[in-house]
Protein backbone atom coordinates (compact mmCIF):
# COMPACT_ATOMS: atom_id res chain seq x y z
CA UNK A 1 110.85 115.26 148.46
CA UNK A 2 110.96 112.59 151.21
CA UNK A 3 110.87 109.96 148.76
CA UNK A 4 114.50 111.66 146.83
CA UNK A 5 115.86 111.79 150.23
CA UNK A 6 115.10 108.17 150.86
CA UNK A 7 116.64 106.99 147.67
CA UNK A 8 119.74 109.19 147.80
CA UNK A 9 120.34 107.38 151.11
CA UNK A 10 120.05 104.32 150.23
CA UNK A 11 122.15 104.72 147.23
CA UNK A 12 124.73 106.12 149.58
CA UNK A 13 124.41 103.22 151.70
CA UNK A 14 124.56 100.52 148.85
CA UNK A 15 127.86 102.27 147.64
CA UNK A 16 130.97 99.86 147.74
CA UNK A 17 134.15 101.59 148.78
CA UNK A 18 137.90 100.45 148.77
CA UNK A 19 139.14 98.28 151.56
CA UNK A 20 140.79 101.96 152.86
CA UNK A 21 137.64 103.50 152.95
CA UNK A 22 134.67 103.29 155.09
CA UNK A 23 131.06 103.72 154.04
CA UNK A 24 129.39 105.09 156.94
CA UNK A 25 126.27 104.66 156.14
CA UNK A 26 126.16 101.35 155.08
CA UNK A 27 123.62 98.77 156.21
CA UNK A 28 124.49 96.34 158.90
CA UNK A 29 125.48 98.87 161.48
CA UNK A 30 123.77 100.14 164.33
CA UNK A 31 126.29 102.92 164.35
CA UNK A 32 125.28 103.65 160.69
CA UNK A 33 122.12 103.54 161.20
CA UNK A 34 122.69 106.82 163.34
CA UNK A 35 124.29 108.05 160.72
CA UNK A 36 121.92 108.21 157.64
CA UNK A 37 119.52 109.29 160.05
CA UNK A 38 121.39 112.46 161.03
CA UNK A 39 121.99 112.82 157.79
CA UNK A 40 118.74 112.59 156.38
CA UNK A 41 117.02 114.68 159.03
CA UNK A 42 120.21 117.39 158.27
CA UNK A 43 119.33 117.22 154.05
CA UNK A 44 115.51 117.52 155.04
CA UNK A 45 116.07 120.44 157.50
CA UNK A 46 118.57 122.73 154.87
CA UNK A 47 116.14 121.56 152.07
CA UNK A 48 113.03 123.65 154.03
CA UNK A 49 115.47 126.67 154.34
CA UNK A 50 115.98 126.44 150.43
CA UNK A 51 119.59 127.79 151.01
CA UNK A 52 120.92 128.99 147.44
CA UNK A 53 124.60 128.57 148.13
CA UNK A 54 126.54 125.06 148.53
CA UNK A 55 129.96 124.57 150.09
CA UNK A 56 131.80 121.72 148.30
CA UNK A 57 134.33 120.11 150.66
CA UNK A 58 136.50 117.03 150.08
CA UNK A 59 136.10 113.74 152.07
CA UNK A 60 134.74 112.93 156.05
CA UNK A 61 137.36 112.85 158.35
CA UNK A 62 138.23 110.39 161.16
CA UNK A 63 137.36 113.29 163.76
CA UNK A 64 134.27 114.89 161.77
CA UNK A 65 131.83 113.43 159.37
CA UNK A 66 133.42 109.64 159.92
CA UNK A 67 131.59 109.99 163.23
CA UNK A 68 128.31 111.92 162.55
CA UNK A 69 127.43 111.68 158.95
CA UNK A 70 127.35 114.98 158.60
CA UNK A 71 129.96 117.06 156.55
CA UNK A 72 132.63 119.62 158.58
CA UNK A 73 130.27 118.20 161.65
CA UNK A 74 132.35 116.91 164.59
CA UNK A 75 130.46 114.78 167.56
CA UNK A 76 130.87 117.98 170.14
CA UNK A 77 129.14 120.21 167.20
CA UNK A 78 126.72 118.01 166.38
CA UNK A 79 125.65 118.04 170.14
CA UNK A 80 126.75 121.84 171.01
CA UNK A 81 126.62 123.79 168.28
CA UNK A 82 128.03 127.51 168.02
CA UNK A 83 125.29 130.00 169.60
CA UNK A 84 123.15 130.89 166.47
CA UNK A 85 123.65 127.65 164.85
CA UNK A 86 119.64 126.86 163.55
CA UNK A 87 120.38 123.13 163.01
CA UNK A 88 122.38 120.35 164.96
CA UNK A 89 121.85 119.74 168.39
CA UNK A 90 119.85 117.20 170.45
CA UNK A 91 116.55 118.59 170.85
CA UNK A 92 116.54 118.87 166.66
CA UNK A 93 116.89 115.18 166.97
CA UNK A 94 120.47 114.65 166.24
CA UNK A 95 122.53 111.71 168.00
CA UNK A 96 125.77 110.51 168.52
CA UNK A 97 126.05 106.87 166.72
CA UNK A 98 127.37 105.51 170.36
CA UNK A 99 130.67 103.96 168.33
CA UNK A 100 133.19 106.12 170.18
CA UNK A 101 133.75 106.49 174.13
CA UNK A 102 134.71 109.99 174.05
CA UNK A 103 133.06 112.87 172.06
CA UNK A 104 135.69 114.64 169.99
CA UNK A 105 136.19 117.95 168.26
CA UNK A 106 137.58 118.75 164.34
CA UNK A 107 139.70 121.47 163.92
CA UNK A 108 137.99 122.05 160.42
CA UNK A 109 134.86 121.34 161.21
CA UNK A 110 134.88 123.70 164.36
CA UNK A 111 136.16 126.51 162.14
CA UNK A 112 133.50 125.87 159.52
CA UNK A 113 130.48 125.74 161.97
CA UNK A 114 131.80 128.93 163.97
CA UNK A 115 132.21 130.81 160.91
CA UNK A 116 128.49 129.85 159.84
CA UNK A 117 127.28 130.93 162.98
CA UNK A 118 129.48 134.38 163.04
CA UNK A 119 127.85 135.30 159.63
CA UNK A 120 124.55 134.04 159.96
CA UNK A 121 124.61 132.37 156.81
CA UNK A 122 124.06 128.46 156.24
CA UNK A 123 124.65 127.07 153.13
CA UNK A 124 124.15 123.64 152.08
CA UNK A 125 127.19 121.26 152.88
CA UNK A 126 128.30 118.43 150.72
CA UNK A 127 131.71 116.54 150.05
CA UNK A 128 133.43 115.56 146.77
CA UNK A 129 133.55 112.25 147.86
CA UNK A 130 131.30 111.22 150.75
CA UNK A 131 132.72 108.08 152.49
CA UNK A 132 135.86 108.43 154.63
CA UNK A 133 139.39 107.35 153.11
CA UNK A 134 141.78 106.55 155.40
CA UNK A 135 145.41 105.11 155.32
CA UNK A 136 146.06 101.31 154.71
CA UNK A 137 145.36 99.38 158.08
CA UNK A 138 144.65 102.66 159.93
CA UNK A 139 140.77 103.71 160.08
CA UNK A 140 141.36 106.06 162.48
CA UNK A 141 143.18 108.20 159.88
CA UNK A 142 142.93 110.64 156.79
CA UNK A 143 143.90 110.83 153.38
CA UNK A 144 143.04 112.24 150.27
CA UNK A 145 140.71 110.62 147.81
CA UNK A 146 141.76 108.76 145.05
CA UNK A 147 140.50 109.85 141.45
CA UNK A 148 138.32 106.49 141.29
CA UNK A 149 136.78 107.73 144.48
CA UNK A 150 135.98 111.45 143.11
CA UNK A 151 134.32 110.00 140.48
CA UNK A 152 131.92 107.78 142.62
CA UNK A 153 131.58 111.13 144.52
CA UNK A 154 130.24 112.94 141.33
CA UNK A 155 127.42 110.97 141.08
CA UNK A 156 126.44 111.70 144.55
CA UNK A 157 127.08 115.50 144.09
CA UNK A 158 125.08 115.83 141.03
CA UNK A 159 121.98 114.32 142.81
CA UNK A 160 122.46 117.37 145.56
CA UNK A 161 123.30 120.07 142.65
CA UNK A 162 119.59 118.78 141.64
CA UNK A 163 117.81 119.02 144.77
CA UNK A 164 119.07 122.10 146.21
CA UNK A 165 119.74 124.32 142.55
CA UNK A 166 121.98 126.41 144.09
CA UNK A 167 123.08 129.36 142.32
CA UNK A 168 126.21 129.90 144.02
CA UNK A 169 128.89 126.89 144.65
CA UNK A 170 132.03 126.93 146.69
CA UNK A 171 134.90 124.69 146.67
CA UNK A 172 136.72 124.51 150.02
CA UNK A 173 140.12 123.23 148.85
CA UNK A 174 141.59 121.77 145.65
CA UNK A 175 139.80 118.43 145.49
CA UNK A 176 136.55 120.18 145.60
CA UNK A 177 137.42 122.54 142.90
CA UNK A 178 138.96 119.78 140.64
CA UNK A 179 135.79 117.93 141.02
CA UNK A 180 133.51 121.03 139.93
CA UNK A 181 135.92 121.53 136.71
CA UNK A 182 135.60 118.06 135.88
CA UNK A 183 131.62 118.67 135.83
CA UNK A 184 131.97 121.91 134.21
CA UNK A 185 130.35 123.64 136.87
CA UNK A 186 130.77 127.49 137.63
CA UNK A 187 131.95 128.05 141.01
CA UNK A 188 134.42 129.94 143.29
CA UNK A 189 137.07 128.42 145.52
CA UNK A 190 138.12 129.42 148.71
CA UNK A 191 141.03 127.69 151.17
CA UNK A 192 140.20 124.86 153.28
CA UNK A 193 140.67 125.37 156.58
CA UNK A 194 142.93 122.78 157.69
CA UNK A 195 146.76 122.63 157.97
CA UNK A 196 146.97 126.40 159.02
CA UNK A 197 144.12 127.91 156.68
CA UNK A 198 141.86 129.00 158.85
CA UNK A 199 142.17 133.03 158.10
CA UNK A 200 141.96 132.51 154.14
CA UNK A 201 139.27 130.41 154.72
CA UNK A 202 136.92 132.85 157.12
CA UNK A 203 138.03 135.27 154.69
CA UNK A 204 137.05 133.50 151.47
CA UNK A 205 133.74 132.61 153.15
CA UNK A 206 132.97 136.17 153.76
CA UNK A 207 133.68 137.36 150.70
CA UNK A 208 130.99 134.45 149.52
CA UNK A 209 128.83 135.98 151.46
CA UNK A 210 129.07 139.61 150.89
CA UNK A 211 128.74 139.26 147.27
CA UNK A 212 125.95 136.84 147.60
CA UNK A 213 123.84 138.96 149.81
CA UNK A 214 124.66 142.09 147.42
CA UNK A 215 123.31 140.61 144.58
CA UNK A 216 120.10 139.67 145.93
């Protein structure tokens, strides 16, 4: 399994992306090296837990995964996970990249990880496009991934599906929903927590947890 993870992360690092996107795992940067190791640690720990539910989001945001390498995870959450989260934190081996002077929170990531802590339910998490798409000339901004980028992402998502073999897949937002539909993968959709979607996301995720736990 270790070799599979190494190959996967090397493939992530080697992927070419557009000028208005950032490969946050690419070789040649000490900051990216930390993000690669954070991701390797996260995937290894999640595989040990063998979650059977997978959350699929859209793409890294500039306050979250862009900085840490982990989906829906800001630097603040990486170092200060909510109480009850059996992952993350410096004591478990996660590190800040050192690229940024100030530790920031990300609204969507904060909502996601707090919801996981509140429910005590920890699915694996991945993105439809695992790189940071940003506005042209504004690397610290976000934009929606384009169709060719989502096509790139489908290859990596397929590998994640092979690794985890989830029995329940949850699309967080429209792009994740479209990505899974193109792959003809059965799934449920919940509202993305951004732009006022917190209550709907929390309700949707809790419904998934209730359905899954009742079926076990």
